[in-house]
Amino acid sequence: MAGGWARDDAVNEQIEISTAEAIARARLRSAAPARPSAEFCRECDEPIPEPRRIAMPGVQLCVECQSGHDRAGRKTGGLNRRASKDSLLK
């Protein structure tokens, strides 16, 4: 397959790098020192159910507030950060 300036294994290499970066970020987040779980959400002051506090040690937000943070933190668009040739052709 013609790849222009890219090597034949460039796509697989990019996938491996992206996966390794995501794993490193997840490990860094999980290695953070856990603080005690809050009984009440720090944003809306609603009680955090005990099963959530047990399942997620160090939780500070209720499910609804955490969902809002998760949605706000998502990046929009599907462009490759490394600007590969294929992502620029969209």
C-alpha atoms as a PDB file:
ATOM      1  CA  MET A   1       0.000   0.000   0.000  1.00  0.00           C
ATOM      2  CA  ALA A   2       1.302   3.439  -0.882  1.00  0.00           C
ATOM      3  CA  GLY A   3       1.919   5.452   2.229  1.00  0.00           C
ATOM      4  CA  GLY A   4       3.378   8.694   0.951  1.00  0.00           C
ATOM      5  CA  TRP A   5       6.036   9.838   3.405  1.00  0.00           C
ATOM      6  CA  ALA A   6       4.853   7.558   6.199  1.00  0.00           C
ATOM      7  CA  ARG A   7       6.499   4.233   6.957  1.00  0.00           C
ATOM      8  CA  ASP A   8       4.474   1.062   6.459  1.00  0.00           C
ATOM      9  CA  ASP A   9       3.999   0.545  10.211  1.00  0.00           C
ATOM     10  CA  ALA A  10       3.196   4.193  11.046  1.00  0.00           C
ATOM     11  CA  VAL A  11      -0.505   3.561  11.740  1.00  0.00           C
ATOM     12  CA  ASN A  12       0.184   0.688  14.104  1.00  0.00           C
ATOM     13  CA  GLU A  13       2.886   2.703  15.815  1.00  0.00           C
ATOM     14  CA  GLN A  14       0.460   5.608  16.326  1.00  0.00           C
ATOM     15  CA  ILE A  15      -2.161   3.266  17.811  1.00  0.00           C
ATOM     16  CA  GLU A  16       0.407   1.781  20.203  1.00  0.00           C
ATOM     17  CA  ILE A  17       1.602   5.232  21.306  1.00  0.00           C
ATOM     18  CA  SER A  18      -1.953   6.494  21.879  1.00  0.00           C
ATOM     19  CA  THR A  19      -2.811   3.372  23.867  1.00  0.00           C
ATOM     20  CA  ALA A  20       0.350   3.611  25.969  1.00  0.00           C
ATOM     21  CA  GLU A  21      -0.364   7.285  26.738  1.00  0.00           C
ATOM     22  CA  ALA A  22      -3.950   6.487  27.813  1.00  0.00           C
ATOM     23  CA  ILE A  23      -2.752   3.662  30.064  1.00  0.00           C
ATOM     24  CA  ALA A  24      -0.101   5.919  31.621  1.00  0.00           C
ATOM     25  CA  ARG A  25      -2.715   8.624  32.353  1.00  0.00           C
ATOM     26  CA  ALA A  26      -5.074   6.059  33.931  1.00  0.00           C
ATOM     27  CA  ARG A  27      -2.286   4.606  36.088  1.00  0.00           C
ATOM     28  CA  LEU A  28      -1.253   8.086  37.201  1.00  0.00           C
ATOM     29  CA  ARG A  29      -4.827   8.906  38.239  1.00  0.00           C
ATOM     30  CA  SER A  30      -5.254   5.611  40.093  1.00  0.00           C
ATOM     31  CA  ALA A  31      -1.924   6.041  41.899  1.00  0.00           C
ATOM     32  CA  ALA A  32      -2.947   9.399  43.334  1.00  0.00           C
ATOM     33  CA  PRO A  33      -3.304   9.302  47.101  1.00  0.00           C
ATOM     34  CA  ALA A  34      -6.930   8.627  47.981  1.00  0.00           C
ATOM     35  CA  ARG A  35      -8.548  11.057  50.344  1.00  0.00           C
ATOM     36  CA  PRO A  36     -11.492   9.962  52.438  1.00  0.00           C
ATOM     37  CA  SER A  37     -14.817   9.767  50.647  1.00  0.00           C
ATOM     38  CA  ALA A  38     -17.162  12.652  51.273  1.00  0.00           C
ATOM     39  CA  GLU A  39     -20.603  11.925  52.690  1.00  0.00           C
ATOM     40  CA  PHE A  40     -22.061  14.890  50.811  1.00  0.00           C
ATOM     41  CA  CYS A  41     -21.327  16.111  47.285  1.00  0.00           C
ATOM     42  CA  ARG A  42     -18.909  19.041  47.360  1.00  0.00           C
ATOM     43  CA  GLU A  43     -20.875  20.795  44.574  1.00  0.00           C
ATOM     44  CA  CYS A  44     -24.583  20.245  45.212  1.00  0.00           C
ATOM     45  CA  ASP A  45     -24.421  19.140  48.871  1.00  0.00           C
ATOM     46  CA  GLU A  46     -26.610  16.083  48.186  1.00  0.00           C
ATOM     47  CA  PRO A  47     -25.768  12.906  50.141  1.00  0.00           C
ATOM     48  CA  ILE A  48     -23.459  10.454  48.349  1.00  0.00           C
ATOM     49  CA  PRO A  49     -24.855   6.909  48.722  1.00  0.00           C
ATOM     50  CA  GLU A  50     -22.712   4.529  50.751  1.00  0.00           C
ATOM     51  CA  PRO A  51     -22.402   1.949  47.912  1.00  0.00           C
ATOM     52  CA  ARG A  52     -20.814   4.675  45.737  1.00  0.00           C
ATOM     53  CA  ARG A  53     -18.408   5.645  48.532  1.00  0.00           C
ATOM     54  CA  ILE A  54     -17.400   1.991  48.919  1.00  0.00           C
ATOM     55  CA  ALA A  55     -17.022   1.389  45.180  1.00  0.00           C
ATOM     56  CA  MET A  56     -15.102   4.633  44.552  1.00  0.00           C
ATOM     57  CA  PRO A  57     -12.776   5.371  47.492  1.00  0.00           C
ATOM     58  CA  GLY A  58     -12.098   9.076  47.773  1.00  0.00           C
ATOM     59  CA  VAL A  59     -15.213  10.091  45.856  1.00  0.00           C
ATOM     60  CA  GLN A  60     -16.157  13.747  46.334  1.00  0.00           C
ATOM     61  CA  LEU A  61     -19.045  14.181  43.870  1.00  0.00           C
ATOM     62  CA  CYS A  62     -22.451  12.569  43.457  1.00  0.00           C
ATOM     63  CA  VAL A  63     -23.162  10.628  40.261  1.00  0.00           C
ATOM     64  CA  GLU A  64     -24.989  13.527  38.606  1.00  0.00           C
ATOM     65  CA  CYS A  65     -22.243  16.092  39.281  1.00  0.00           C
ATOM     66  CA  GLN A  66     -19.511  13.627  38.265  1.00  0.00           C
ATOM     67  CA  SER A  67     -21.354  12.918  35.010  1.00  0.00           C
ATOM     68  CA  GLY A  68     -21.432  16.650  34.287  1.00  0.00           C
ATOM     69  CA  HIS A  69     -17.673  16.899  34.887  1.00  0.00           C
ATOM     70  CA  ASP A  70     -17.043  13.891  32.649  1.00  0.00           C
ATOM     71  CA  ARG A  71     -19.101  15.371  29.809  1.00  0.00           C
ATOM     72  CA  ALA A  72     -17.400  18.757  30.149  1.00  0.00           C
ATOM     73  CA  GLY A  73     -13.946  17.159  30.068  1.00  0.00           C
ATOM     74  CA  ARG A  74     -14.463  15.362  26.773  1.00  0.00           C
ATOM     75  CA  LYS A  75     -12.663  16.776  23.802  1.00  0.00           C
ATOM     76  CA  THR A  76     -14.765  17.451  20.753  1.00  0.00           C
ATOM     77  CA  GLY A  77     -13.736  16.571  17.263  1.00  0.00           C
ATOM     78  CA  GLY A  78     -11.894  13.545  16.048  1.00  0.00           C
ATOM     79  CA  LEU A  79      -8.653  15.016  14.790  1.00  0.00           C
ATOM     80  CA  ASN A  80      -5.468  13.205  15.538  1.00  0.00           C
ATOM     81  CA  ARG A  81      -3.303  15.274  17.905  1.00  0.00           C
ATOM     82  CA  ARG A  82      -0.199  14.283  16.010  1.00  0.00           C
ATOM     83  CA  ALA A  83      -1.705  15.558  12.736  1.00  0.00           C
ATOM     84  CA  SER A  84      -1.062  12.465  10.669  1.00  0.00           C
ATOM     85  CA  LYS A  85      -1.636  12.765   6.962  1.00  0.00           C
ATOM     86  CA  ASP A  86      -4.856  10.747   7.142  1.00  0.00           C
ATOM     87  CA  SER A  87      -6.388  12.936   9.843  1.00  0.00           C
ATOM     88  CA  LEU A  88      -5.729  16.061   7.781  1.00  0.00           C
ATOM     89  CA  LEU A  89      -7.636  14.669   4.793  1.00  0.00           C
ATOM     90  CA  LYS A  90     -11.014  14.879   6.577  1.00  0.00           C
END
